[in-house]
C-alpha atoms as a PDB file:
ATOM      1  CA  MET A   1      -6.365   8.138   4.892  1.00  0.00           C
ATOM      2  CA  ARG A   2      -4.739   5.133   6.497  1.00  0.00           C
ATOM      3  CA  ARG A   3      -2.332   4.759   3.577  1.00  0.00           C
ATOM      4  CA  ARG A   4      -1.379   8.403   3.705  1.00  0.00           C
ATOM      5  CA  THR A   5      -0.917   8.211   7.481  1.00  0.00           C
ATOM      6  CA  SER A   6       1.299   5.142   7.140  1.00  0.00           C
ATOM      7  CA  ALA A   7       3.301   6.829   4.404  1.00  0.00           C
ATOM      8  CA  ARG A   8       3.774   9.838   6.672  1.00  0.00           C
ATOM      9  CA  CYS A   9       5.062   7.553   9.403  1.00  0.00           C
ATOM     10  CA  ARG A  10       7.773   6.259   7.065  1.00  0.00           C
ATOM     11  CA  ALA A  11       8.810   9.734   5.943  1.00  0.00           C
ATOM     12  CA  THR A  12      12.414  10.677   6.538  1.00  0.00           C
ATOM     13  CA  LEU A  13      13.466  14.021   7.962  1.00  0.00           C
ATOM     14  CA  ALA A  14      14.487  15.011   4.441  1.00  0.00           C
ATOM     15  CA  ASP A  15      10.955  14.164   3.204  1.00  0.00           C
ATOM     16  CA  ILE A  16       9.431  16.163   6.057  1.00  0.00           C
ATOM     17  CA  ALA A  17      11.696  19.162   5.442  1.00  0.00           C
ATOM     18  CA  GLU A  18      10.749  19.121   1.765  1.00  0.00           C
ATOM     19  CA  ALA A  19       7.029  18.895   2.545  1.00  0.00           C
ATOM     20  CA  ALA A  20       7.371  21.763   5.037  1.00  0.00           C
ATOM     21  CA  GLN A  21       9.352  23.733   2.453  1.00  0.00           C
ATOM     22  CA  ILE A  22      12.279  24.279   4.785  1.00  0.00           C
ATOM     23  CA  GLY A  23      15.867  23.190   4.624  1.00  0.00           C
ATOM     24  CA  ARG A  24      17.015  19.986   6.270  1.00  0.00           C
ATOM     25  CA  SER A  25      19.494  21.931   8.376  1.00  0.00           C
ATOM     26  CA  THR A  26      16.659  24.071   9.738  1.00  0.00           C
ATOM     27  CA  LEU A  27      14.704  20.974  10.703  1.00  0.00           C
ATOM     28  CA  HIS A  28      17.812  19.389  12.275  1.00  0.00           C
ATOM     29  CA  ARG A  29      18.281  22.469  14.458  1.00  0.00           C
ATOM     30  CA  TYR A  30      15.042  21.553  16.221  1.00  0.00           C
ATOM     31  CA  PHE A  31      14.966  17.767  15.901  1.00  0.00           C
ATOM     32  CA  SER A  32      18.070  15.604  15.894  1.00  0.00           C
ATOM     33  CA  ASP A  33      16.262  12.659  14.334  1.00  0.00           C
ATOM     34  CA  ARG A  34      12.889  11.527  13.076  1.00  0.00           C
ATOM     35  CA  GLN A  35      11.850  10.016  16.414  1.00  0.00           C
ATOM     36  CA  ASP A  36      12.442  13.362  18.174  1.00  0.00           C
ATOM     37  CA  LEU A  37      10.111  15.004  15.663  1.00  0.00           C
ATOM     38  CA  VAL A  38       7.451  12.307  16.082  1.00  0.00           C
ATOM     39  CA  ASN A  39       7.701  12.563  19.873  1.00  0.00           C
ATOM     40  CA  ALA A  40       7.306  16.350  19.719  1.00  0.00           C
ATOM     41  CA  ALA A  41       4.235  15.944  17.483  1.00  0.00           C
ATOM     42  CA  VAL A  42       2.709  13.430  19.920  1.00  0.00           C
ATOM     43  CA  VAL A  43       3.304  15.661  22.946  1.00  0.00           C
ATOM     44  CA  ASP A  44       1.885  18.670  21.099  1.00  0.00           C
ATOM     45  CA  SER A  45      -1.140  16.640  20.011  1.00  0.00           C
ATOM     46  CA  PHE A  46      -1.827  15.510  23.583  1.00  0.00           C
ATOM     47  CA  HIS A  47      -1.693  19.125  24.752  1.00  0.00           C
ATOM     48  CA  VAL A  48      -4.073  20.327  22.040  1.00  0.00           C
ATOM     49  CA  VAL A  49      -6.611  17.549  22.703  1.00  0.00           C
ATOM     50  CA  GLU A  50      -6.332  18.126  26.451  1.00  0.00           C
ATOM     51  CA  LYS A  51      -6.843  21.893  26.006  1.00  0.00           C
ATOM     52  CA  SER A  52      -9.825  21.288  23.683  1.00  0.00           C
ATOM     53  CA  THR A  53     -11.410  18.968  26.221  1.00  0.00           C
ATOM     54  CA  ALA A  54     -10.870  21.463  29.040  1.00  0.00           C
ATOM     55  CA  GLY A  55     -12.361  24.233  26.895  1.00  0.00           C
ATOM     56  CA  ALA A  56     -15.519  22.192  26.390  1.00  0.00           C
ATOM     57  CA  ALA A  57     -16.256  22.521  30.135  1.00  0.00           C
ATOM     58  CA  ILE A  58     -17.642  18.993  30.268  1.00  0.00           C
ATOM     59  CA  ASP A  59     -18.273  19.225  33.998  1.00  0.00           C
ATOM     60  CA  GLN A  60     -20.817  22.025  33.484  1.00  0.00           C
ATOM     61  CA  GLY A  61     -24.432  21.898  32.365  1.00  0.00           C
ATOM     62  CA  PRO A  62     -26.611  18.956  31.394  1.00  0.00           C
ATOM     63  CA  PRO A  63     -24.641  15.909  30.211  1.00  0.00           C
ATOM     64  CA  LEU A  64     -26.035  15.924  26.663  1.00  0.00           C
ATOM     65  CA  GLU A  65     -25.143  19.594  26.163  1.00  0.00           C
ATOM     66  CA  ALA A  66     -21.672  18.986  27.628  1.00  0.00           C
ATOM     67  CA  MET A  67     -21.200  16.011  25.286  1.00  0.00           C
ATOM     68  CA  ARG A  68     -22.172  18.151  22.301  1.00  0.00           C
ATOM     69  CA  ARG A  69     -19.552  20.738  23.311  1.00  0.00           C
ATOM     70  CA  LEU A  70     -16.996  17.979  23.739  1.00  0.00           C
ATOM     71  CA  ILE A  71     -17.733  16.506  20.313  1.00  0.00           C
ATOM     72  CA  ALA A  72     -17.326  19.931  18.687  1.00  0.00           C
ATOM     73  CA  ALA A  73     -14.019  20.423  20.536  1.00  0.00           C
ATOM     74  CA  LEU A  74     -12.713  16.985  19.552  1.00  0.00           C
ATOM     75  CA  VAL A  75     -13.713  17.495  15.928  1.00  0.00           C
ATOM     76  CA  ASP A  76     -11.784  20.776  15.947  1.00  0.00           C
ATOM     77  CA  ALA A  77      -8.753  18.826  17.196  1.00  0.00           C
ATOM     78  CA  GLY A  78      -9.320  16.052  14.629  1.00  0.00           C
ATOM     79  CA  ASP A  79      -5.923  16.388  12.982  1.00  0.00           C
ATOM     80  CA  ARG A  80      -4.277  15.900  16.376  1.00  0.00           C
ATOM     81  CA  LEU A  81      -6.434  12.851  17.096  1.00  0.00           C
ATOM     82  CA  ALA A  82      -5.343  11.497  13.727  1.00  0.00           C
ATOM     83  CA  CYS A  83      -1.721  12.052  14.718  1.00  0.00           C
ATOM     84  CA  LEU A  84      -2.264  10.144  17.954  1.00  0.00           C
ATOM     85  CA  PHE A  85      -4.530   7.342  16.792  1.00  0.00           C
ATOM     86  CA  GLY A  86      -4.270   7.183  12.997  1.00  0.00           C
ATOM     87  CA  ASP A  87      -1.357   4.782  13.099  1.00  0.00           C
ATOM     88  CA  PRO A  88      -0.918   2.718  16.291  1.00  0.00           C
ATOM     89  CA  ARG A  89       2.842   2.616  15.748  1.00  0.00           C
ATOM     90  CA  VAL A  90       3.103   6.328  16.569  1.00  0.00           C
ATOM     91  CA  LEU A  91       1.911   5.866  20.158  1.00  0.00           C
ATOM     92  CA  GLU A  92       3.770   2.567  20.485  1.00  0.00           C
ATOM     93  CA  GLU A  93       7.062   4.248  19.549  1.00  0.00           C
ATOM     94  CA  PHE A  94       6.329   7.193  21.841  1.00  0.00           C
ATOM     95  CA  THR A  95       5.397   5.053  24.840  1.00  0.00           C
ATOM     96  CA  ALA A  96       8.409   2.798  24.250  1.00  0.00           C
ATOM     97  CA  CYS A  97      10.696   5.830  24.497  1.00  0.00           C
ATOM     98  CA  TYR A  98       9.037   7.729  27.333  1.00  0.00           C
ATOM     99  CA  LYS A  99       6.828   5.226  29.183  1.00  0.00           C
ATOM    100  CA  PRO A 100       4.211   7.880  30.058  1.00  0.00           C
ATOM    101  CA  ASP A 101       1.107   7.126  32.086  1.00  0.00           C
ATOM    102  CA  LEU A 102      -1.398   7.740  29.283  1.00  0.00           C
ATOM    103  CA  SER A 103      -4.316   7.569  31.704  1.00  0.00           C
ATOM    104  CA  VAL A 104      -3.042  10.869  33.091  1.00  0.00           C
ATOM    105  CA  VAL A 105      -2.183  12.413  29.713  1.00  0.00           C
ATOM    106  CA  LEU A 106      -5.235  11.373  27.683  1.00  0.00           C
ATOM    107  CA  PRO A 107      -8.247  13.510  28.506  1.00  0.00           C
ATOM    108  CA  THR A 108     -10.991  11.413  29.986  1.00  0.00           C
ATOM    109  CA  THR A 109     -14.672  11.796  29.410  1.00  0.00           C
ATOM    110  CA  VAL A 110     -15.626   8.909  31.669  1.00  0.00           C
ATOM    111  CA  SER A 111     -16.908  11.192  34.452  1.00  0.00           C
ATOM    112  CA  LEU A 112     -19.184  13.016  31.988  1.00  0.00           C
ATOM    113  CA  ILE A 113     -20.473   9.718  30.622  1.00  0.00           C
ATOM    114  CA  GLU A 114     -21.050   8.295  34.112  1.00  0.00           C
ATOM    115  CA  ARG A 115     -22.930  11.465  35.084  1.00  0.00           C
ATOM    116  CA  GLY A 116     -25.050  11.084  31.959  1.00  0.00           C
ATOM    117  CA  GLN A 117     -25.715   7.442  32.750  1.00  0.00           C
ATOM    118  CA  ALA A 118     -26.740   8.317  36.322  1.00  0.00           C
ATOM    119  CA  GLU A 119     -29.139  10.963  34.983  1.00  0.00           C
ATOM    120  CA  GLY A 120     -30.621   8.535  32.440  1.00  0.00           C
ATOM    121  CA  VAL A 121     -29.187  10.353  29.403  1.00  0.00           C
ATOM    122  CA  PHE A 122     -26.575   7.834  28.214  1.00  0.00           C
ATOM    123  CA  ASP A 123     -27.050   4.086  27.878  1.00  0.00           C
ATOM    124  CA  PRO A 124     -26.323   2.435  31.243  1.00  0.00           C
ATOM    125  CA  GLY A 125     -26.208  -0.995  29.585  1.00  0.00           C
ATOM    126  CA  VAL A 126     -22.584  -0.519  28.482  1.00  0.00           C
ATOM    127  CA  SER A 127     -19.550   0.709  30.381  1.00  0.00           C
ATOM    128  CA  ALA A 128     -18.553   4.370  30.383  1.00  0.00           C
ATOM    129  CA  GLU A 129     -15.143   3.342  29.055  1.00  0.00           C
ATOM    130  CA  TRP A 130     -16.762   1.632  26.077  1.00  0.00           C
ATOM    131  CA  ILE A 131     -18.883   4.705  25.331  1.00  0.00           C
ATOM    132  CA  GLN A 132     -15.695   6.795  25.486  1.00  0.00           C
ATOM    133  CA  GLN A 133     -14.052   4.506  22.924  1.00  0.00           C
ATOM    134  CA  VAL A 134     -17.120   4.820  20.675  1.00  0.00           C
ATOM    135  CA  LEU A 135     -16.936   8.611  20.981  1.00  0.00           C
ATOM    136  CA  TRP A 136     -13.261   8.659  19.978  1.00  0.00           C
ATOM    137  CA  ALA A 137     -13.896   6.273  17.085  1.00  0.00           C
ATOM    138  CA  LEU A 138     -16.808   8.351  15.784  1.00  0.00           C
ATOM    139  CA  THR A 139     -14.769  11.542  16.069  1.00  0.00           C
ATOM    140  CA  TYR A 140     -11.823  10.032  14.222  1.00  0.00           C
ATOM    141  CA  THR A 141     -14.133   8.572  11.570  1.00  0.00           C
ATOM    142  CA  GLY A 142     -15.781  11.962  11.061  1.00  0.00           C
ATOM    143  CA  TRP A 143     -12.427  13.678  10.673  1.00  0.00           C
ATOM    144  CA  GLU A 144     -11.250  10.988   8.274  1.00  0.00           C
ATOM    145  CA  ALA A 145     -14.450  11.329   6.198  1.00  0.00           C
ATOM    146  CA  ALA A 146     -13.789  15.060   5.855  1.00  0.00           C
ATOM    147  CA  GLU A 147     -10.194  14.340   4.799  1.00  0.00           C
ATOM    148  CA  LYS A 148     -11.479  11.989   2.100  1.00  0.00           C
ATOM    149  CA  GLY A 149     -14.085  14.536   0.943  1.00  0.00           C
ATOM    150  CA  LEU A 150     -17.012  12.370   2.060  1.00  0.00           C
ATOM    151  CA  LEU A 151     -18.253  15.045   4.481  1.00  0.00           C
ATOM    152  CA  PRO A 152     -17.774  18.789   4.435  1.00  0.00           C
ATOM    153  CA  ARG A 153     -15.553  19.911   7.339  1.00  0.00           C
ATOM    154  CA  HIS A 154     -18.314  22.129   8.703  1.00  0.00           C
ATOM    155  CA  GLY A 155     -20.658  19.112   8.847  1.00  0.00           C
ATOM    156  CA  VAL A 156     -18.439  16.735  10.815  1.00  0.00           C
ATOM    157  CA  ALA A 157     -19.470  17.785  14.337  1.00  0.00           C
ATOM    158  CA  ALA A 158     -23.168  17.488  13.461  1.00  0.00           C
ATOM    159  CA  ALA A 159     -22.661  14.058  11.874  1.00  0.00           C
ATOM    160  CA  VAL A 160     -20.631  12.765  14.835  1.00  0.00           C
ATOM    161  CA  THR A 161     -23.170  14.186  17.309  1.00  0.00           C
ATOM    162  CA  ARG A 162     -26.064  12.598  15.427  1.00  0.00           C
ATOM    163  CA  ALA A 163     -24.326   9.214  15.275  1.00  0.00           C
ATOM    164  CA  PHE A 164     -23.341   9.373  18.953  1.00  0.00           C
ATOM    165  CA  GLU A 165     -26.818  10.371  20.103  1.00  0.00           C
ATOM    166  CA  SER A 166     -28.460   7.731  17.913  1.00  0.00           C
ATOM    167  CA  GLY A 167     -26.363   5.008  19.484  1.00  0.00           C
ATOM    168  CA  MET A 168     -25.460   6.078  23.014  1.00  0.00           C
ATOM    169  CA  ALA A 169     -28.181   8.410  24.237  1.00  0.00           C
ATOM    170  CA  VAL A 170     -31.279   6.942  25.783  1.00  0.00           C
ATOM    171  CA  SER A 171     -34.303   7.910  23.716  1.00  0.00           C
ATOM    172  CA  PRO A 172     -37.587   8.720  25.491  1.00  0.00           C
ATOM    173  CA  ALA A 173     -39.179   5.688  23.816  1.00  0.00           C
ATOM    174  CA  HIS A 174     -36.433   3.343  25.115  1.00  0.00           C
ATOM    175  CA  PRO A 175     -35.557   4.231  28.726  1.00  0.00           C
END
């Protein structure tokens, strides 16, 4: 997937118009240049991931159940996560143009993780921020595995949940 993502990042507007099966003039009506299109895709991706996270209602219910809802929501938004994090140059170009405060834009799960740590559900031996990074990496890896045909799409959320719980949740035998 990384090669395909990098190839997509080098695509010209003409390449994109052809792939979308629309005329270049139609594409130019909406986006004056490639960077405008990339920026629009990044903004849209942030909104979708943010909406998915909000829909998971991570502030409600037991932390493990909330995390399972969040994982399912993030897996559903996997293509948008791939847009945002599949090629670091995409965010670098976006932030260079707009200088957004990504801590405000990126949905945070730190409060859910900290709540889980306080309740003895998630490993308190590592920072909540680190657990959040692990969650994002597992989600992206699950989505990428489905793209490569290594996992069926309908099995990604279960695989990510299992991997997350095996590594980050505190088991009864290891408090």
